[in-house]
Amino acid sequence: MSQTRCGYVALIGAPNAGKSTLVNQLVGAKVSIVSRKAQTTRARVRGIALEGEAQIIFVDTPGLFAPKRRLDRAMVQAVWKGADEADALIALIDAKREAGHISDEAEALLTALDGRRAPKYLALNKIDLLDRPKLLELAKTLNERHSFVATFMISAETGDGVAAMKTALGAVMPAGPWLYPEDQVSEAPLMALAAEITREKLFERLHDELPYQCTVETETWEVRKDGSARIEQTIFVTRDSHKKIVIGEGGKTLKAIGTAARKEIAEANEAPVHLFLHVKQRDNWLDDPERYRAMGLEFPKD
């Protein structure tokens, strides 16, 4: 009789390396928000995938960067906590960005991973954007500098190489019972995922620093007799002037955010949703320990 296996795999990489896109590909469902803007993932997001007799919990960590604000420090703490708890580590590298000259940022990340106890794997992402000779040269250079169990060549966007990567990781998960039901794809409750989806739409519609000053909370989730859900969410901003930007002229921006979010939340809910968005000012939420706990982050001391 075959034995079940279960373990954690943490994805570590620079901002915009493609971690969230990769986790969604591995899981086969949207569990982490994706944006072209850096540092959109704030807390550790766990996506759950099955590979034969193995259950793999993929941990999508925030992009590793030099922290400047309290929230930044909390996000970096989440990265290393995720690494310390993992049974395997994936160093996700943007192959297109690092080909020819490995950046100081990537080198510092890989050096920091060298001291971690878990087995380390290298994943070169965006291989569809790079010539094969350059890709092989990059893999050779990184493996000469750092010790990896194996190297995966993947495209998180197209899914190329992702199935082989998942199979290899499933084979090395430790023996043990599954931690989640067979049909569960995320550790986060649907209410939390819904808030993250709306926050993703904020990043798509707004510019510069404003999305980083916003947070979204799902206030109510009422299931109606017809199976649909009535959802109320609040977008919190730090300044009164930001409310006008989020709402937009005649409410156009908020309506566009709501329309896009409603569609994806309905897909995750597998039933229609009626989404109502409110925008409120919450002074100094970036310094409120309760807000950090709500995001799954530890509140860093000064």
Protein backbone atom coordinates (compact mmCIF):
# COMPACT_ATOMS: atom_id res chain seq x y z
CA MET A 1 0.00 0.00 0.00
CA SER A 2 1.40 3.38 -0.99
CA GLN A 3 2.15 5.87 1.74
CA THR A 4 0.91 9.43 1.77
CA ARG A 5 3.37 12.29 1.94
CA CYS A 6 2.89 15.91 2.92
CA GLY A 7 5.18 18.90 3.20
CA TYR A 8 5.79 22.60 2.72
CA VAL A 9 7.63 24.22 -0.18
CA ALA A 10 8.52 27.91 0.16
CA LEU A 11 9.08 30.07 -2.91
CA ILE A 12 11.69 32.76 -2.33
CA GLY A 13 12.51 35.42 -4.90
CA ALA A 14 12.85 39.07 -5.72
CA PRO A 15 9.75 41.21 -6.34
CA ASN A 16 8.14 40.39 -9.70
CA ALA A 17 10.07 37.14 -10.09
CA GLY A 18 6.74 35.42 -10.70
CA LYS A 19 6.09 33.64 -7.40
CA SER A 20 2.35 34.29 -7.24
CA THR A 21 1.83 33.28 -10.88
CA LEU A 22 3.80 30.08 -10.25
CA VAL A 23 1.83 29.16 -7.13
CA ASN A 24 -1.43 29.61 -9.03
CA GLN A 25 -0.09 27.36 -11.82
CA LEU A 26 1.06 24.67 -9.38
CA VAL A 27 -2.24 24.66 -7.53
CA GLY A 28 -4.39 24.95 -10.63
CA ALA A 29 -6.50 27.74 -9.13
CA LYS A 30 -6.12 31.36 -8.12
CA VAL A 31 -4.90 31.50 -4.54
CA SER A 32 -2.48 34.43 -4.74
CA ILE A 33 -2.94 37.84 -6.33
CA VAL A 34 -0.81 38.79 -9.30
CA SER A 35 0.34 42.24 -10.35
CA ARG A 36 3.12 43.71 -12.46
CA LYS A 37 3.83 46.01 -9.54
CA ALA A 38 6.38 44.81 -7.00
CA GLN A 39 5.57 43.70 -3.46
CA THR A 40 1.86 43.07 -3.97
CA THR A 41 1.97 39.86 -1.90
CA ARG A 42 2.08 40.98 1.73
CA ALA A 43 1.78 37.85 3.84
CA ARG A 44 2.60 34.20 3.26
CA VAL A 45 -0.06 32.68 1.04
CA ARG A 46 -0.42 28.91 1.15
CA GLY A 47 -1.67 27.05 -1.92
CA ILE A 48 -2.38 23.33 -1.69
CA ALA A 49 -1.65 20.91 -4.54
CA LEU A 50 -1.86 17.14 -4.95
CA GLU A 51 0.79 15.13 -6.77
CA GLY A 52 0.09 11.41 -6.63
CA GLU A 53 0.13 10.38 -2.98
CA ALA A 54 1.74 13.68 -1.97
CA GLN A 55 0.06 16.83 -0.73
CA ILE A 56 2.30 19.85 -1.29
CA ILE A 57 1.64 23.12 0.51
CA PHE A 58 3.26 25.86 -1.54
CA VAL A 59 4.08 29.01 0.40
CA ASP A 60 4.06 32.16 -1.72
CA THR A 61 6.18 34.63 0.22
CA PRO A 62 6.46 38.40 -0.33
CA GLY A 63 9.25 39.43 -2.67
CA LEU A 64 12.56 39.83 -0.88
CA PHE A 65 13.72 43.46 -0.91
CA ALA A 66 15.44 46.07 1.25
CA PRO A 67 12.79 47.14 3.79
CA LYS A 68 12.15 50.83 4.34
CA ARG A 69 8.85 51.01 6.23
CA ARG A 70 7.33 49.04 9.08
CA LEU A 71 5.12 47.12 6.64
CA ASP A 72 8.19 46.31 4.54
CA ARG A 73 9.97 44.87 7.59
CA ALA A 74 6.95 42.73 8.43
CA MET A 75 6.88 41.38 4.87
CA VAL A 76 10.58 40.47 4.94
CA GLN A 77 10.09 38.73 8.31
CA ALA A 78 7.34 36.68 6.68
CA VAL A 79 9.75 35.58 3.95
CA TRP A 80 12.29 34.14 6.36
CA LYS A 81 9.68 32.57 8.60
CA GLY A 82 8.30 30.80 5.56
CA ALA A 83 11.79 29.60 4.67
CA ASP A 84 12.47 28.28 8.17
CA GLU A 85 9.24 26.25 8.23
CA ALA A 86 9.66 24.67 4.78
CA ASP A 87 10.66 21.12 3.83
CA ALA A 88 12.07 22.43 0.56
CA LEU A 89 13.04 25.85 -0.75
CA ILE A 90 12.64 27.15 -4.29
CA ALA A 91 14.90 30.02 -5.28
CA LEU A 92 12.87 31.60 -8.08
CA ILE A 93 15.01 33.62 -10.46
CA ASP A 94 13.83 35.81 -13.33
CA ALA A 95 16.04 34.31 -16.06
CA LYS A 96 15.43 37.17 -18.47
CA ARG A 97 16.49 39.75 -15.88
CA GLU A 98 19.57 37.89 -14.61
CA ALA A 99 20.99 36.57 -17.89
CA GLY A 100 24.41 37.96 -18.73
CA HIS A 101 24.92 39.62 -15.36
CA ILE A 102 23.57 38.35 -12.07
CA SER A 103 22.30 41.30 -10.05
CA ASP A 104 23.49 42.10 -6.55
CA GLU A 105 19.89 41.61 -5.41
CA ALA A 106 19.73 38.05 -6.74
CA GLU A 107 23.18 37.19 -5.41
CA ALA A 108 22.30 38.46 -1.93
CA LEU A 109 19.08 36.42 -1.95
CA LEU A 110 20.88 33.21 -2.96
CA THR A 111 23.65 33.76 -0.43
CA ALA A 112 21.08 34.24 2.32
CA LEU A 113 19.42 30.96 1.32
CA ASP A 114 22.72 29.07 1.52
CA GLY A 115 22.51 28.98 5.31
CA ARG A 116 18.97 27.53 5.47
CA ARG A 117 18.51 23.92 6.55
CA ALA A 118 15.95 22.81 3.95
CA PRO A 119 17.03 21.36 0.57
CA LYS A 120 17.27 24.11 -2.02
CA TYR A 121 16.11 24.00 -5.62
CA LEU A 122 16.73 26.56 -8.37
CA ALA A 123 13.85 27.56 -10.63
CA LEU A 124 14.67 29.72 -13.63
CA ASN A 125 11.47 31.46 -14.64
CA LYS A 126 10.44 33.18 -17.89
CA ILE A 127 12.45 30.76 -20.04
CA ASP A 128 10.16 31.59 -22.96
CA LEU A 129 11.79 35.04 -23.07
CA LEU A 130 15.41 33.87 -23.26
CA ASP A 131 17.57 32.04 -25.82
CA ARG A 132 18.56 28.53 -24.73
CA PRO A 133 22.37 29.14 -24.76
CA LYS A 134 21.97 32.10 -22.40
CA LEU A 135 19.61 30.08 -20.21
CA LEU A 136 22.07 27.19 -19.89
CA GLU A 137 24.92 29.58 -19.14
CA LEU A 138 22.90 31.22 -16.36
CA ALA A 139 22.03 27.83 -14.86
CA LYS A 140 25.69 26.78 -14.97
CA THR A 141 26.88 30.00 -13.31
CA LEU A 142 24.33 29.85 -10.49
CA ASN A 143 25.00 26.16 -9.78
CA GLU A 144 28.73 26.83 -9.59
CA ARG A 145 28.17 29.56 -6.99
CA HIS A 146 25.47 27.87 -4.92
CA SER A 147 24.43 24.35 -4.01
CA PHE A 148 21.08 23.20 -5.43
CA VAL A 149 19.53 19.75 -5.42
CA ALA A 150 18.13 20.33 -8.92
CA THR A 151 17.39 23.09 -11.40
CA PHE A 152 13.96 23.60 -12.97
CA MET A 153 13.47 25.48 -16.23
CA ILE A 154 9.95 26.92 -16.19
CA SER A 155 7.57 29.56 -17.43
CA ALA A 156 5.07 30.36 -14.71
CA GLU A 157 3.05 32.35 -17.25
CA THR A 158 2.61 29.55 -19.84
CA GLY A 159 2.98 26.58 -17.48
CA ASP A 160 5.95 25.18 -19.40
CA GLY A 161 8.00 22.89 -17.11
CA VAL A 162 5.69 23.40 -14.12
CA ALA A 163 4.24 19.86 -14.14
CA ALA A 164 7.71 18.29 -14.09
CA MET A 165 8.70 20.57 -11.22
CA LYS A 166 5.60 19.59 -9.25
CA THR A 167 6.27 15.88 -9.81
CA ALA A 168 9.86 16.20 -8.58
CA LEU A 169 8.81 18.08 -5.45
CA GLY A 170 6.01 15.63 -4.67
CA ALA A 171 8.54 12.78 -4.66
CA VAL A 172 10.66 14.40 -1.92
CA MET A 173 7.91 15.41 0.48
CA PRO A 174 8.21 13.67 3.87
CA ALA A 175 5.95 10.73 4.69
CA GLY A 176 2.90 11.68 6.68
CA PRO A 177 -0.84 12.28 6.56
CA TRP A 178 -2.34 15.05 4.46
CA LEU A 179 -3.03 18.21 6.43
CA TYR A 180 -5.97 19.42 4.33
CA PRO A 181 -9.02 17.88 2.62
CA GLU A 182 -8.45 16.59 -0.91
CA ASP A 183 -10.49 19.35 -2.56
CA GLN A 184 -9.00 22.31 -0.64
CA VAL A 185 -6.68 24.54 -2.67
CA SER A 186 -5.90 27.31 -0.20
CA GLU A 187 -5.37 27.75 3.50
CA ALA A 188 -6.99 31.18 3.41
CA PRO A 189 -10.76 31.35 3.95
CA LEU A 190 -12.81 32.59 1.01
CA MET A 191 -13.51 35.92 2.76
CA ALA A 192 -9.77 36.62 2.95
CA LEU A 193 -9.20 35.61 -0.67
CA ALA A 194 -12.04 37.89 -1.75
CA ALA A 195 -10.37 40.85 -0.01
CA GLU A 196 -7.09 40.03 -1.73
CA ILE A 197 -8.80 39.86 -5.12
CA THR A 198 -10.23 43.35 -4.62
CA ARG A 199 -6.80 44.59 -3.54
CA GLU A 200 -5.35 43.15 -6.74
CA LYS A 201 -7.86 45.21 -8.74
CA LEU A 202 -6.74 48.31 -6.82
CA PHE A 203 -3.19 47.68 -8.03
CA GLU A 204 -4.43 47.31 -11.60
CA ARG A 205 -6.44 50.55 -11.57
CA LEU A 206 -4.35 52.87 -9.41
CA HIS A 207 -0.83 54.13 -9.84
CA ASP A 208 2.39 54.90 -7.99
CA GLU A 209 2.33 54.54 -4.19
CA LEU A 210 -1.41 54.72 -3.50
CA PRO A 211 -2.16 50.96 -3.67
CA TYR A 212 0.54 50.35 -1.06
CA GLN A 213 -1.34 52.71 1.28
CA CYS A 214 -4.60 50.74 0.88
CA THR A 215 -5.93 47.63 2.54
CA VAL A 216 -9.19 45.76 1.95
CA GLU A 217 -11.35 43.95 4.49
CA THR A 218 -14.40 41.78 3.86
CA GLU A 219 -16.91 43.02 6.41
CA THR A 220 -19.92 40.76 5.70
CA TRP A 221 -20.64 37.67 3.60
CA GLU A 222 -24.31 36.69 3.47
CA VAL A 223 -25.36 33.60 1.54
CA ARG A 224 -28.81 34.11 0.01
CA LYS A 225 -31.53 31.52 -0.59
CA ASP A 226 -30.68 31.35 -4.31
CA GLY A 227 -27.06 30.40 -3.47
CA SER A 228 -25.58 33.78 -4.35
CA ALA A 229 -23.59 35.80 -1.82
CA ARG A 230 -24.04 39.42 -0.76
CA ILE A 231 -20.59 40.76 0.13
CA GLU A 232 -19.63 44.06 1.68
CA GLN A 233 -16.00 45.14 1.62
CA THR A 234 -14.26 48.24 2.87
CA ILE A 235 -11.21 49.76 1.21
CA PHE A 236 -9.21 51.61 3.86
CA VAL A 237 -6.91 54.47 2.88
CA THR A 238 -4.59 56.57 5.02
CA ARG A 239 -5.64 60.03 3.79
CA ASP A 240 -8.95 61.67 2.99
CA SER A 241 -7.57 62.84 -0.36
CA HIS A 242 -6.96 59.20 -1.32
CA LYS A 243 -10.68 58.44 -1.04
CA LYS A 244 -11.41 60.68 -4.02
CA ILE A 245 -8.76 58.90 -6.09
CA VAL A 246 -10.09 55.43 -5.28
CA ILE A 247 -13.68 56.48 -5.97
CA GLY A 248 -12.81 58.43 -9.14
CA GLU A 249 -14.89 60.95 -11.04
CA GLY A 250 -18.53 60.06 -10.68
CA GLY A 251 -17.54 56.82 -8.96
CA LYS A 252 -16.08 55.38 -12.19
CA THR A 253 -12.85 54.02 -10.68
CA LEU A 254 -14.57 52.30 -7.77
CA LYS A 255 -17.17 50.82 -10.10
CA ALA A 256 -14.48 49.41 -12.40
CA ILE A 257 -12.63 47.92 -9.42
CA GLY A 258 -15.86 46.38 -8.14
CA THR A 259 -16.85 44.93 -11.52
CA ALA A 260 -13.46 43.26 -12.01
CA ALA A 261 -13.33 41.97 -8.43
CA ARG A 262 -16.89 40.64 -8.49
CA LYS A 263 -16.18 38.50 -11.54
CA GLU A 264 -13.16 36.79 -9.97
CA ILE A 265 -14.75 36.42 -6.54
CA ALA A 266 -17.74 34.73 -8.18
CA GLU A 267 -15.36 32.28 -9.89
CA ALA A 268 -13.67 31.48 -6.58
CA ASN A 269 -17.05 31.18 -4.85
CA GLU A 270 -18.45 29.02 -7.67
CA ALA A 271 -21.68 31.01 -7.34
CA PRO A 272 -22.84 34.55 -8.20
CA VAL A 273 -21.90 37.37 -5.85
CA HIS A 274 -23.26 40.85 -5.24
CA LEU A 275 -20.32 43.00 -4.22
CA PHE A 276 -20.67 46.34 -2.42
CA LEU A 277 -17.53 48.41 -1.92
CA HIS A 278 -17.05 51.24 0.59
CA VAL A 279 -14.05 53.54 0.94
CA LYS A 280 -13.05 54.83 4.35
CA GLN A 281 -10.14 56.68 5.84
CA ARG A 282 -8.30 54.90 8.62
CA ASP A 283 -5.49 57.02 10.04
CA ASN A 284 -2.19 55.29 10.74
CA TRP A 285 -3.38 51.77 9.87
CA LEU A 286 0.20 51.07 8.80
CA ASP A 287 1.16 51.39 12.48
CA ASP A 288 -1.76 49.40 13.90
CA PRO A 289 -0.77 45.93 15.21
CA GLU A 290 -4.31 44.65 14.72
CA ARG A 291 -4.18 45.35 10.99
CA TYR A 292 -0.94 43.37 10.69
CA ARG A 293 -2.50 40.40 12.47
CA ALA A 294 -5.45 40.59 10.08
CA MET A 295 -2.99 40.34 7.16
CA GLY A 296 -1.22 37.37 8.76
CA LEU A 297 1.90 39.39 9.54
CA GLU A 298 3.84 39.89 12.74
CA PHE A 299 3.96 43.49 13.92
CA PRO A 300 7.63 44.56 13.94
CA LYS A 301 8.85 46.68 16.82
CA ASP A 302 10.69 49.91 16.12
